[in-house]
Amino acid sequence: MILYTTVPLEQLYPTDQSDFQKQLTIPCEAGSLMVEQQGDGDYRIIRLLSSDPHAYLNPAYEPGTILSSTLRY
Protein backbone atom coordinates (compact mmCIF):
# COMPACT_ATOMS: atom_id res chain seq x y z
CA MET A 1 0.00 0.00 0.00
CA ILE A 2 1.26 3.48 -0.87
CA LEU A 3 0.07 6.40 1.20
CA TYR A 4 0.38 9.85 -0.39
CA THR A 5 0.06 12.50 2.30
CA THR A 6 1.68 15.65 3.64
CA VAL A 7 1.04 14.55 7.22
CA PRO A 8 4.21 13.47 9.07
CA LEU A 9 4.52 9.74 9.71
CA GLU A 10 4.73 10.44 13.45
CA GLN A 11 1.11 11.60 13.33
CA LEU A 12 -0.11 8.76 11.13
CA TYR A 13 1.52 6.06 13.22
CA PRO A 14 1.76 7.48 16.73
CA THR A 15 3.93 5.75 19.28
CA ASP A 16 2.30 7.15 22.39
CA GLN A 17 -0.64 9.51 22.97
CA SER A 18 1.34 11.49 25.57
CA ASP A 19 3.69 12.63 22.78
CA PHE A 20 0.84 14.58 21.20
CA GLN A 21 -0.34 16.14 24.45
CA LYS A 22 2.84 18.25 24.51
CA GLN A 23 2.13 19.71 21.04
CA LEU A 24 0.27 22.91 20.36
CA THR A 25 -0.29 25.31 17.49
CA ILE A 26 0.58 28.95 18.00
CA PRO A 27 0.11 31.94 15.68
CA CYS A 28 3.12 33.68 14.15
CA GLU A 29 3.63 36.42 11.55
CA ALA A 30 3.86 33.90 8.70
CA GLY A 31 0.86 31.77 9.73
CA SER A 32 1.00 29.16 12.49
CA LEU A 33 3.70 27.07 14.11
CA MET A 34 3.22 23.58 15.48
CA VAL A 35 5.51 23.34 18.49
CA GLU A 36 6.35 20.74 21.12
CA GLN A 37 7.06 21.64 24.73
CA GLN A 38 10.46 20.49 25.93
CA GLY A 39 11.31 19.37 29.45
CA ASP A 40 12.84 22.72 30.45
CA GLY A 41 9.78 24.74 29.37
CA ASP A 42 11.18 25.80 25.99
CA TYR A 43 9.41 24.95 22.74
CA ARG A 44 10.80 23.15 19.66
CA ILE A 45 9.32 23.94 16.24
CA ILE A 46 7.87 20.87 14.57
CA ARG A 47 6.42 22.47 11.45
CA LEU A 48 5.29 25.71 9.88
CA LEU A 49 1.72 26.02 8.59
CA SER A 50 1.59 28.85 6.06
CA SER A 51 0.25 29.66 2.62
CA ASP A 52 3.18 32.02 1.96
CA PRO A 53 5.97 30.13 0.14
CA HIS A 54 8.57 32.70 1.23
CA ALA A 55 7.90 31.93 4.89
CA TYR A 56 9.43 28.47 4.43
CA LEU A 57 12.75 30.10 3.50
CA ASN A 58 12.93 32.01 6.79
CA PRO A 59 15.44 30.26 9.10
CA ALA A 60 13.50 31.49 12.16
CA TYR A 61 10.72 28.99 11.30
CA GLU A 62 13.02 26.04 10.60
CA PRO A 63 11.90 22.75 12.21
CA GLY A 64 14.03 21.91 15.23
CA THR A 65 14.55 25.55 16.21
CA ILE A 66 14.18 26.10 19.95
CA LEU A 67 11.95 28.98 21.05
CA SER A 68 12.47 30.69 24.39
CA SER A 69 10.41 29.64 27.40
CA THR A 70 8.99 33.18 27.55
CA LEU A 71 6.67 32.20 24.68
CA ARG A 72 3.01 32.72 25.54
CA TYR A 73 0.10 31.19 23.65
C-alpha atoms as a PDB file:
ATOM      1  CA  MET A   1       0.000   0.000   0.000  1.00  0.00           C
ATOM      2  CA  ILE A   2       1.255   3.478  -0.875  1.00  0.00           C
ATOM      3  CA  LEU A   3       0.065   6.403   1.203  1.00  0.00           C
ATOM      4  CA  TYR A   4       0.381   9.846  -0.389  1.00  0.00           C
ATOM      5  CA  THR A   5       0.060  12.503   2.301  1.00  0.00           C
ATOM      6  CA  THR A   6       1.685  15.654   3.645  1.00  0.00           C
ATOM      7  CA  VAL A   7       1.035  14.549   7.220  1.00  0.00           C
ATOM      8  CA  PRO A   8       4.207  13.466   9.069  1.00  0.00           C
ATOM      9  CA  LEU A   9       4.516   9.737   9.708  1.00  0.00           C
ATOM     10  CA  GLU A  10       4.726  10.438  13.449  1.00  0.00           C
ATOM     11  CA  GLN A  11       1.107  11.600  13.331  1.00  0.00           C
ATOM     12  CA  LEU A  12      -0.108   8.759  11.132  1.00  0.00           C
ATOM     13  CA  TYR A  13       1.523   6.056  13.224  1.00  0.00           C
ATOM     14  CA  PRO A  14       1.762   7.482  16.728  1.00  0.00           C
ATOM     15  CA  THR A  15       3.925   5.750  19.276  1.00  0.00           C
ATOM     16  CA  ASP A  16       2.299   7.149  22.393  1.00  0.00           C
ATOM     17  CA  GLN A  17      -0.637   9.510  22.975  1.00  0.00           C
ATOM     18  CA  SER A  18       1.342  11.488  25.569  1.00  0.00           C
ATOM     19  CA  ASP A  19       3.693  12.633  22.778  1.00  0.00           C
ATOM     20  CA  PHE A  20       0.839  14.583  21.196  1.00  0.00           C
ATOM     21  CA  GLN A  21      -0.341  16.144  24.446  1.00  0.00           C
ATOM     22  CA  LYS A  22       2.841  18.253  24.513  1.00  0.00           C
ATOM     23  CA  GLN A  23       2.132  19.707  21.042  1.00  0.00           C
ATOM     24  CA  LEU A  24       0.268  22.907  20.357  1.00  0.00           C
ATOM     25  CA  THR A  25      -0.290  25.310  17.491  1.00  0.00           C
ATOM     26  CA  ILE A  26       0.576  28.950  18.000  1.00  0.00           C
ATOM     27  CA  PRO A  27       0.112  31.935  15.683  1.00  0.00           C
ATOM     28  CA  CYS A  28       3.119  33.677  14.145  1.00  0.00           C
ATOM     29  CA  GLU A  29       3.635  36.417  11.547  1.00  0.00           C
ATOM     30  CA  ALA A  30       3.856  33.896   8.704  1.00  0.00           C
ATOM     31  CA  GLY A  31       0.864  31.773   9.730  1.00  0.00           C
ATOM     32  CA  SER A  32       0.996  29.157  12.486  1.00  0.00           C
ATOM     33  CA  LEU A  33       3.698  27.070  14.114  1.00  0.00           C
ATOM     34  CA  MET A  34       3.217  23.583  15.476  1.00  0.00           C
ATOM     35  CA  VAL A  35       5.514  23.340  18.489  1.00  0.00           C
ATOM     36  CA  GLU A  36       6.354  20.742  21.121  1.00  0.00           C
ATOM     37  CA  GLN A  37       7.055  21.637  24.726  1.00  0.00           C
ATOM     38  CA  GLN A  38      10.465  20.493  25.929  1.00  0.00           C
ATOM     39  CA  GLY A  39      11.307  19.374  29.452  1.00  0.00           C
ATOM     40  CA  ASP A  40      12.836  22.719  30.449  1.00  0.00           C
ATOM     41  CA  GLY A  41       9.779  24.738  29.373  1.00  0.00           C
ATOM     42  CA  ASP A  42      11.185  25.796  25.994  1.00  0.00           C
ATOM     43  CA  TYR A  43       9.412  24.946  22.740  1.00  0.00           C
ATOM     44  CA  ARG A  44      10.802  23.150  19.663  1.00  0.00           C
ATOM     45  CA  ILE A  45       9.319  23.945  16.239  1.00  0.00           C
ATOM     46  CA  ILE A  46       7.866  20.867  14.575  1.00  0.00           C
ATOM     47  CA  ARG A  47       6.425  22.470  11.446  1.00  0.00           C
ATOM     48  CA  LEU A  48       5.286  25.711   9.876  1.00  0.00           C
ATOM     49  CA  LEU A  49       1.719  26.016   8.589  1.00  0.00           C
ATOM     50  CA  SER A  50       1.585  28.852   6.056  1.00  0.00           C
ATOM     51  CA  SER A  51       0.251  29.665   2.622  1.00  0.00           C
ATOM     52  CA  ASP A  52       3.183  32.024   1.960  1.00  0.00           C
ATOM     53  CA  PRO A  53       5.970  30.134   0.142  1.00  0.00           C
ATOM     54  CA  HIS A  54       8.570  32.701   1.227  1.00  0.00           C
ATOM     55  CA  ALA A  55       7.902  31.929   4.894  1.00  0.00           C
ATOM     56  CA  TYR A  56       9.428  28.468   4.428  1.00  0.00           C
ATOM     57  CA  LEU A  57      12.753  30.098   3.499  1.00  0.00           C
ATOM     58  CA  ASN A  58      12.930  32.013   6.786  1.00  0.00           C
ATOM     59  CA  PRO A  59      15.441  30.260   9.098  1.00  0.00           C
ATOM     60  CA  ALA A  60      13.503  31.487  12.157  1.00  0.00           C
ATOM     61  CA  TYR A  61      10.720  28.992  11.303  1.00  0.00           C
ATOM     62  CA  GLU A  62      13.019  26.036  10.603  1.00  0.00           C
ATOM     63  CA  PRO A  63      11.896  22.745  12.214  1.00  0.00           C
ATOM     64  CA  GLY A  64      14.025  21.914  15.226  1.00  0.00           C
ATOM     65  CA  THR A  65      14.549  25.552  16.209  1.00  0.00           C
ATOM     66  CA  ILE A  66      14.176  26.097  19.948  1.00  0.00           C
ATOM     67  CA  LEU A  67      11.953  28.977  21.048  1.00  0.00           C
ATOM     68  CA  SER A  68      12.475  30.686  24.392  1.00  0.00           C
ATOM     69  CA  SER A  69      10.408  29.639  27.405  1.00  0.00           C
ATOM     70  CA  THR A  70       8.991  33.178  27.553  1.00  0.00           C
ATOM     71  CA  LEU A  71       6.667  32.203  24.681  1.00  0.00           C
ATOM     72  CA  ARG A  72       3.011  32.723  25.539  1.00  0.00           C
ATOM     73  CA  TYR A  73       0.095  31.191  23.648  1.00  0.00           C
END
